[in-house]
């Protein structure tokens, strides 16, 4: 029962841009996300985290600030 309650809370706290009417729409969205995503790996010494206006950004050497994603997966 705890898992169902937790799943229900998670479902209804989603914003409209995170909701999909069908599984096909969800699949299409995740496919596009994967297609346009980029993996980036840098030495820890070149990372410079900063907090500003309630957001955390990471600056990489001479590149501008990058926002962190908010994905979280519970087991």
PDB file of N, CA and C in Angstrom:
ATOM      1  N   UNK A   1       0.814  -1.196   0.000  1.00  0.00           N
ATOM      2  CA  UNK A   1       0.000   0.000   0.000  1.00  0.00           C
ATOM      3  C   UNK A   1       0.862   1.266   0.000  1.00  0.00           C
ATOM      4  N   UNK A   2       1.978   1.213   0.686  1.00  0.00           N
ATOM      5  CA  UNK A   2       2.864   2.373   0.744  1.00  0.00           C
ATOM      6  C   UNK A   2       3.349   2.738  -0.653  1.00  0.00           C
ATOM      7  N   UNK A   3       3.692   1.727  -1.466  1.00  0.00           N
ATOM      8  CA  UNK A   3       4.177   1.988  -2.827  1.00  0.00           C
ATOM      9  C   UNK A   3       3.099   2.651  -3.675  1.00  0.00           C
ATOM     10  N   UNK A   4       1.830   2.193  -3.545  1.00  0.00           N
ATOM     11  CA  UNK A   4       0.746   2.803  -4.310  1.00  0.00           C
ATOM     12  C   UNK A   4       0.517   4.247  -3.903  1.00  0.00           C
ATOM     13  N   UNK A   5       0.567   4.520  -2.619  1.00  0.00           N
ATOM     14  CA  UNK A   5       0.396   5.888  -2.141  1.00  0.00           C
ATOM     15  C   UNK A   5       1.523   6.769  -2.661  1.00  0.00           C
ATOM     16  N   UNK A   6       2.731   6.270  -2.595  1.00  0.00           N
ATOM     17  CA  UNK A   6       3.884   7.027  -3.082  1.00  0.00           C
ATOM     18  C   UNK A   6       3.786   7.278  -4.579  1.00  0.00           C
ATOM     19  N   UNK A   7       3.374   6.264  -5.333  1.00  0.00           N
ATOM     20  CA  UNK A   7       3.229   6.413  -6.782  1.00  0.00           C
ATOM     21  C   UNK A   7       2.141   7.438  -7.108  1.00  0.00           C
ATOM     22  N   UNK A   8       1.062   7.418  -6.365  1.00  0.00           N
ATOM     23  CA  UNK A   8      -0.025   8.371  -6.583  1.00  0.00           C
ATOM     24  C   UNK A   8       0.448   9.805  -6.325  1.00  0.00           C
ATOM     25  N   UNK A   9       1.172  10.015  -5.248  1.00  0.00           N
ATOM     26  CA  UNK A   9       1.712  11.354  -4.947  1.00  0.00           C
ATOM     27  C   UNK A   9       2.664  11.800  -6.044  1.00  0.00           C
ATOM     28  N   UNK A  10       3.492  10.902  -6.515  1.00  0.00           N
ATOM     29  CA  UNK A  10       4.452  11.237  -7.563  1.00  0.00           C
ATOM     30  C   UNK A  10       3.726  11.605  -8.857  1.00  0.00           C
ATOM     31  N   UNK A  11       2.705  10.848  -9.191  1.00  0.00           N
ATOM     32  CA  UNK A  11       1.947  11.101 -10.419  1.00  0.00           C
ATOM     33  C   UNK A  11       1.298  12.476 -10.403  1.00  0.00           C
ATOM     34  N   UNK A  12       0.657  12.831  -9.300  1.00  0.00           N
ATOM     35  CA  UNK A  12      -0.107  14.067  -9.266  1.00  0.00           C
ATOM     36  C   UNK A  12       0.725  15.304  -8.940  1.00  0.00           C
ATOM     37  N   UNK A  13       1.986  15.154  -8.647  1.00  0.00           N
ATOM     38  CA  UNK A  13       2.813  16.338  -8.432  1.00  0.00           C
ATOM     39  C   UNK A  13       3.530  16.756  -9.710  1.00  0.00           C
ATOM     40  N   UNK A  14       3.368  16.004 -10.775  1.00  0.00           N
ATOM     41  CA  UNK A  14       4.008  16.325 -12.052  1.00  0.00           C
ATOM     42  C   UNK A  14       3.414  17.591 -12.654  1.00  0.00           C
ATOM     43  N   UNK A  15       4.268  18.381 -13.271  1.00  0.00           N
ATOM     44  CA  UNK A  15       3.788  19.570 -13.970  1.00  0.00           C
ATOM     45  C   UNK A  15       3.253  19.145 -15.343  1.00  0.00           C
ATOM     46  N   UNK A  16       2.477  20.006 -16.009  1.00  0.00           N
ATOM     47  CA  UNK A  16       1.885  19.628 -17.298  1.00  0.00           C
ATOM     48  C   UNK A  16       2.911  19.194 -18.348  1.00  0.00           C
ATOM     49  N   UNK A  17       4.124  19.745 -18.315  1.00  0.00           N
ATOM     50  CA  UNK A  17       5.106  19.348 -19.321  1.00  0.00           C
ATOM     51  C   UNK A  17       5.714  17.978 -19.029  1.00  0.00           C
ATOM     52  N   UNK A  18       5.358  17.354 -17.922  1.00  0.00           N
ATOM     53  CA  UNK A  18       5.855  16.023 -17.595  1.00  0.00           C
ATOM     54  C   UNK A  18       4.752  14.967 -17.707  1.00  0.00           C
ATOM     55  N   UNK A  19       3.578  15.334 -18.217  1.00  0.00           N
ATOM     56  CA  UNK A  19       2.456  14.404 -18.326  1.00  0.00           C
ATOM     57  C   UNK A  19       2.205  14.065 -19.792  1.00  0.00           C
ATOM     58  N   UNK A  20       1.838  12.832 -20.034  1.00  0.00           N
ATOM     59  CA  UNK A  20       1.573  12.374 -21.391  1.00  0.00           C
ATOM     60  C   UNK A  20       0.259  11.611 -21.409  1.00  0.00           C
ATOM     61  N   UNK A  21      -0.529  11.803 -22.451  1.00  0.00           N
ATOM     62  CA  UNK A  21      -1.842  11.178 -22.552  1.00  0.00           C
ATOM     63  C   UNK A  21      -1.748   9.698 -22.880  1.00  0.00           C
ATOM     64  N   UNK A  22      -0.687   9.308 -23.591  1.00  0.00           N
ATOM     65  CA  UNK A  22      -0.555   7.911 -23.996  1.00  0.00           C
ATOM     66  C   UNK A  22       0.886   7.449 -23.804  1.00  0.00           C
ATOM     67  N   UNK A  23       1.058   6.153 -23.795  1.00  0.00           N
ATOM     68  CA  UNK A  23       2.404   5.585 -23.715  1.00  0.00           C
ATOM     69  C   UNK A  23       3.187   5.943 -24.974  1.00  0.00           C
ATOM     70  N   UNK A  24       2.522   5.991 -26.104  1.00  0.00           N
ATOM     71  CA  UNK A  24       3.189   6.355 -27.365  1.00  0.00           C
ATOM     72  C   UNK A  24       3.762   7.768 -27.299  1.00  0.00           C
ATOM     73  N   UNK A  25       3.025   8.707 -26.709  1.00  0.00           N
ATOM     74  CA  UNK A  25       3.536  10.072 -26.550  1.00  0.00           C
ATOM     75  C   UNK A  25       4.753  10.095 -25.631  1.00  0.00           C
ATOM     76  N   UNK A  26       4.700   9.348 -24.547  1.00  0.00           N
ATOM     77  CA  UNK A  26       5.837   9.254 -23.636  1.00  0.00           C
ATOM     78  C   UNK A  26       7.043   8.670 -24.345  1.00  0.00           C
ATOM     79  N   UNK A  27       6.835   7.608 -25.105  1.00  0.00           N
ATOM     80  CA  UNK A  27       7.934   6.962 -25.834  1.00  0.00           C
ATOM     81  C   UNK A  27       8.552   7.934 -26.825  1.00  0.00           C
ATOM     82  N   UNK A  28       7.725   8.671 -27.572  1.00  0.00           N
ATOM     83  CA  UNK A  28       8.231   9.648 -28.543  1.00  0.00           C
ATOM     84  C   UNK A  28       9.050  10.730 -27.835  1.00  0.00           C
ATOM     85  N   UNK A  29       8.563  11.192 -26.710  1.00  0.00           N
ATOM     86  CA  UNK A  29       9.280  12.229 -25.955  1.00  0.00           C
ATOM     87  C   UNK A  29      10.645  11.724 -25.484  1.00  0.00           C
ATOM     88  N   UNK A  30      10.674  10.525 -24.915  1.00  0.00           N
ATOM     89  CA  UNK A  30      11.946   9.995 -24.426  1.00  0.00           C
ATOM     90  C   UNK A  30      12.914   9.723 -25.571  1.00  0.00           C
ATOM     91  N   UNK A  31      12.387   9.309 -26.718  1.00  0.00           N
ATOM     92  CA  UNK A  31      13.240   9.097 -27.891  1.00  0.00           C
ATOM     93  C   UNK A  31      13.881  10.411 -28.344  1.00  0.00           C
ATOM     94  N   UNK A  32      13.100  11.485 -28.366  1.00  0.00           N
ATOM     95  CA  UNK A  32      13.641  12.797 -28.741  1.00  0.00           C
ATOM     96  C   UNK A  32      14.662  13.286 -27.712  1.00  0.00           C
ATOM     97  N   UNK A  33      14.363  13.083 -26.436  1.00  0.00           N
ATOM     98  CA  UNK A  33      15.312  13.472 -25.392  1.00  0.00           C
ATOM     99  C   UNK A  33      16.648  12.759 -25.574  1.00  0.00           C
ATOM    100  N   UNK A  34      16.596  11.462 -25.841  1.00  0.00           N
ATOM    101  CA  UNK A  34      17.814  10.684 -26.042  1.00  0.00           C
ATOM    102  C   UNK A  34      18.563  11.151 -27.282  1.00  0.00           C
ATOM    103  N   UNK A  35      17.835  11.435 -28.344  1.00  0.00           N
ATOM    104  CA  UNK A  35      18.453  11.855 -29.604  1.00  0.00           C
ATOM    105  C   UNK A  35      19.210  13.168 -29.468  1.00  0.00           C
ATOM    106  N   UNK A  36      18.660  14.092 -28.686  1.00  0.00           N
ATOM    107  CA  UNK A  36      19.267  15.419 -28.571  1.00  0.00           C
ATOM    108  C   UNK A  36      20.118  15.604 -27.314  1.00  0.00           C
ATOM    109  N   UNK A  37      20.257  14.557 -26.501  1.00  0.00           N
ATOM    110  CA  UNK A  37      21.060  14.679 -25.286  1.00  0.00           C
ATOM    111  C   UNK A  37      22.541  14.493 -25.591  1.00  0.00           C
ATOM    112  N   UNK A  38      23.352  14.956 -24.683  1.00  0.00           N
ATOM    113  CA  UNK A  38      24.795  14.820 -24.821  1.00  0.00           C
ATOM    114  C   UNK A  38      25.384  14.378 -23.492  1.00  0.00           C
ATOM    115  N   UNK A  39      26.291  13.412 -23.549  1.00  0.00           N
ATOM    116  CA  UNK A  39      27.049  13.037 -22.360  1.00  0.00           C
ATOM    117  C   UNK A  39      28.262  13.943 -22.286  1.00  0.00           C
ATOM    118  N   UNK A  40      28.534  14.410 -21.099  1.00  0.00           N
ATOM    119  CA  UNK A  40      29.722  15.251 -20.907  1.00  0.00           C
ATOM    120  C   UNK A  40      30.454  14.759 -19.688  1.00  0.00           C
ATOM    121  N   UNK A  41      31.739  14.577 -19.814  1.00  0.00           N
ATOM    122  CA  UNK A  41      32.559  14.176 -18.691  1.00  0.00           C
ATOM    123  C   UNK A  41      33.745  15.110 -18.644  1.00  0.00           C
ATOM    124  N   UNK A  42      34.027  15.644 -17.463  1.00  0.00           N
ATOM    125  CA  UNK A  42      35.146  16.565 -17.270  1.00  0.00           C
ATOM    126  C   UNK A  42      35.865  16.206 -15.978  1.00  0.00           C
ATOM    127  N   UNK A  43      37.121  16.549 -15.917  1.00  0.00           N
ATOM    128  CA  UNK A  43      37.872  16.355 -14.687  1.00  0.00           C
ATOM    129  C   UNK A  43      37.232  17.174 -13.567  1.00  0.00           C
ATOM    130  N   UNK A  44      37.171  16.641 -12.373  1.00  0.00           N
ATOM    131  CA  UNK A  44      36.573  17.390 -11.260  1.00  0.00           C
ATOM    132  C   UNK A  44      37.252  18.738 -11.021  1.00  0.00           C
ATOM    133  N   UNK A  45      38.528  18.855 -11.343  1.00  0.00           N
ATOM    134  CA  UNK A  45      39.262  20.101 -11.100  1.00  0.00           C
ATOM    135  C   UNK A  45      38.756  21.263 -11.952  1.00  0.00           C
ATOM    136  N   UNK A  46      38.075  20.980 -13.074  1.00  0.00           N
ATOM    137  CA  UNK A  46      37.621  22.064 -13.944  1.00  0.00           C
ATOM    138  C   UNK A  46      36.168  22.457 -13.662  1.00  0.00           C
ATOM    139  N   UNK A  47      35.514  21.774 -12.719  1.00  0.00           N
ATOM    140  CA  UNK A  47      34.127  22.081 -12.388  1.00  0.00           C
ATOM    141  C   UNK A  47      34.069  23.156 -11.313  1.00  0.00           C
ATOM    142  N   UNK A  48      33.205  24.124 -11.527  1.00  0.00           N
ATOM    143  CA  UNK A  48      33.031  25.188 -10.549  1.00  0.00           C
ATOM    144  C   UNK A  48      31.541  25.369 -10.277  1.00  0.00           C
ATOM    145  N   UNK A  49      31.026  24.741  -9.199  1.00  0.00           N
ATOM    146  CA  UNK A  49      29.597  24.874  -8.899  1.00  0.00           C
ATOM    147  C   UNK A  49      29.275  26.243  -8.295  1.00  0.00           C
ATOM    148  N   UNK A  50      28.109  26.749  -8.628  1.00  0.00           N
ATOM    149  CA  UNK A  50      27.652  28.024  -8.089  1.00  0.00           C
ATOM    150  C   UNK A  50      26.151  27.947  -7.820  1.00  0.00           C
ATOM    151  N   UNK A  51      25.723  28.612  -6.765  1.00  0.00           N
ATOM    152  CA  UNK A  51      24.302  28.721  -6.443  1.00  0.00           C
ATOM    153  C   UNK A  51      23.881  30.168  -6.647  1.00  0.00           C
ATOM    154  N   UNK A  52      22.791  30.358  -7.396  1.00  0.00           N
ATOM    155  CA  UNK A  52      22.314  31.703  -7.669  1.00  0.00           C
ATOM    156  C   UNK A  52      20.823  31.642  -7.979  1.00  0.00           C
ATOM    157  N   UNK A  53      20.068  32.520  -7.386  1.00  0.00           N
ATOM    158  CA  UNK A  53      18.621  32.607  -7.633  1.00  0.00           C
ATOM    159  C   UNK A  53      17.914  31.270  -7.436  1.00  0.00           C
ATOM    160  N   UNK A  54      18.325  30.515  -6.437  1.00  0.00           N
ATOM    161  CA  UNK A  54      17.673  29.247  -6.142  1.00  0.00           C
ATOM    162  C   UNK A  54      18.034  28.112  -7.073  1.00  0.00           C
ATOM    163  N   UNK A  55      19.021  28.288  -7.943  1.00  0.00           N
ATOM    164  CA  UNK A  55      19.457  27.240  -8.857  1.00  0.00           C
ATOM    165  C   UNK A  55      20.940  26.977  -8.683  1.00  0.00           C
ATOM    166  N   UNK A  56      21.329  25.740  -8.932  1.00  0.00           N
ATOM    167  CA  UNK A  56      22.739  25.376  -8.905  1.00  0.00           C
ATOM    168  C   UNK A  56      23.199  25.233 -10.352  1.00  0.00           C
ATOM    169  N   UNK A  57      24.292  25.896 -10.686  1.00  0.00           N
ATOM    170  CA  UNK A  57      24.889  25.753 -12.011  1.00  0.00           C
ATOM    171  C   UNK A  57      26.327  25.274 -11.849  1.00  0.00           C
ATOM    172  N   UNK A  58      26.856  24.721 -12.921  1.00  0.00           N
ATOM    173  CA  UNK A  58      28.245  24.279 -12.933  1.00  0.00           C
ATOM    174  C   UNK A  58      28.925  24.932 -14.126  1.00  0.00           C
ATOM    175  N   UNK A  59      30.014  25.632 -13.871  1.00  0.00           N
ATOM    176  CA  UNK A  59      30.812  26.232 -14.929  1.00  0.00           C
ATOM    177  C   UNK A  59      31.993  25.310 -15.212  1.00  0.00           C
ATOM    178  N   UNK A  60      32.239  25.072 -16.487  1.00  0.00           N
ATOM    179  CA  UNK A  60      33.318  24.188 -16.921  1.00  0.00           C
ATOM    180  C   UNK A  60      34.382  25.008 -17.626  1.00  0.00           C
ATOM    181  N   UNK A  61      35.523  25.183 -16.986  1.00  0.00           N
ATOM    182  CA  UNK A  61      36.622  25.972 -17.567  1.00  0.00           C
ATOM    183  C   UNK A  61      36.095  27.284 -18.135  1.00  0.00           C
ATOM    184  N   UNK A  62      36.212  27.477 -19.449  1.00  0.00           N
ATOM    185  CA  UNK A  62      35.809  28.735 -20.071  1.00  0.00           C
ATOM    186  C   UNK A  62      34.395  28.689 -20.637  1.00  0.00           C
ATOM    187  N   UNK A  63      33.693  27.586 -20.442  1.00  0.00           N
ATOM    188  CA  UNK A  63      32.318  27.477 -20.919  1.00  0.00           C
ATOM    189  C   UNK A  63      31.377  28.160 -19.932  1.00  0.00           C
ATOM    190  N   UNK A  64      30.252  28.603 -20.432  1.00  0.00           N
ATOM    191  CA  UNK A  64      29.258  29.251 -19.582  1.00  0.00           C
ATOM    192  C   UNK A  64      28.647  28.276 -18.597  1.00  0.00           C
ATOM    193  N   UNK A  65      27.776  28.780 -17.736  1.00  0.00           N
ATOM    194  CA  UNK A  65      27.160  27.914 -16.728  1.00  0.00           C
ATOM    195  C   UNK A  65      26.194  26.910 -17.355  1.00  0.00           C
ATOM    196  N   UNK A  66      26.151  25.721 -16.771  1.00  0.00           N
ATOM    197  CA  UNK A  66      25.255  24.654 -17.196  1.00  0.00           C
ATOM    198  C   UNK A  66      24.321  24.332 -16.044  1.00  0.00           C
ATOM    199  N   UNK A  67      23.033  24.178 -16.343  1.00  0.00           N
ATOM    200  CA  UNK A  67      22.066  23.775 -15.326  1.00  0.00           C
ATOM    201  C   UNK A  67      22.154  22.273 -15.112  1.00  0.00           C
ATOM    202  N   UNK A  68      21.894  21.844 -13.902  1.00  0.00           N
ATOM    203  CA  UNK A  68      21.846  20.425 -13.594  1.00  0.00           C
ATOM    204  C   UNK A  68      20.438  19.922 -13.853  1.00  0.00           C
ATOM    205  N   UNK A  69      20.333  18.657 -14.235  1.00  0.00           N
ATOM    206  CA  UNK A  69      18.978  18.115 -14.400  1.00  0.00           C
ATOM    207  C   UNK A  69      18.414  17.740 -13.043  1.00  0.00           C
ATOM    208  N   UNK A  70      17.139  17.429 -13.001  1.00  0.00           N
ATOM    209  CA  UNK A  70      16.469  17.158 -11.738  1.00  0.00           C
ATOM    210  C   UNK A  70      15.954  15.732 -11.665  1.00  0.00           C
ATOM    211  N   UNK A  71      16.471  14.855 -12.475  1.00  0.00           N
ATOM    212  CA  UNK A  71      15.988  13.475 -12.469  1.00  0.00           C
ATOM    213  C   UNK A  71      16.428  12.764 -11.213  1.00  0.00           C
ATOM    214  N   UNK A  72      15.528  12.004 -10.638  1.00  0.00           N
ATOM    215  CA  UNK A  72      15.811  11.255  -9.447  1.00  0.00           C
ATOM    216  C   UNK A  72      15.115   9.912  -9.560  1.00  0.00           C
ATOM    217  N   UNK A  73      15.817   8.853  -9.265  1.00  0.00           N
ATOM    218  CA  UNK A  73      15.251   7.525  -9.353  1.00  0.00           C
ATOM    219  C   UNK A  73      15.395   6.846  -8.006  1.00  0.00           C
ATOM    220  N   UNK A  74      14.283   6.512  -7.401  1.00  0.00           N
ATOM    221  CA  UNK A  74      14.285   5.809  -6.124  1.00  0.00           C
ATOM    222  C   UNK A  74      14.198   4.309  -6.373  1.00  0.00           C
ATOM    223  N   UNK A  75      14.823   3.558  -5.506  1.00  0.00           N
ATOM    224  CA  UNK A  75      14.738   2.104  -5.636  1.00  0.00           C
ATOM    225  C   UNK A  75      13.829   1.565  -4.568  1.00  0.00           C
TER     226      UNK A  75
END
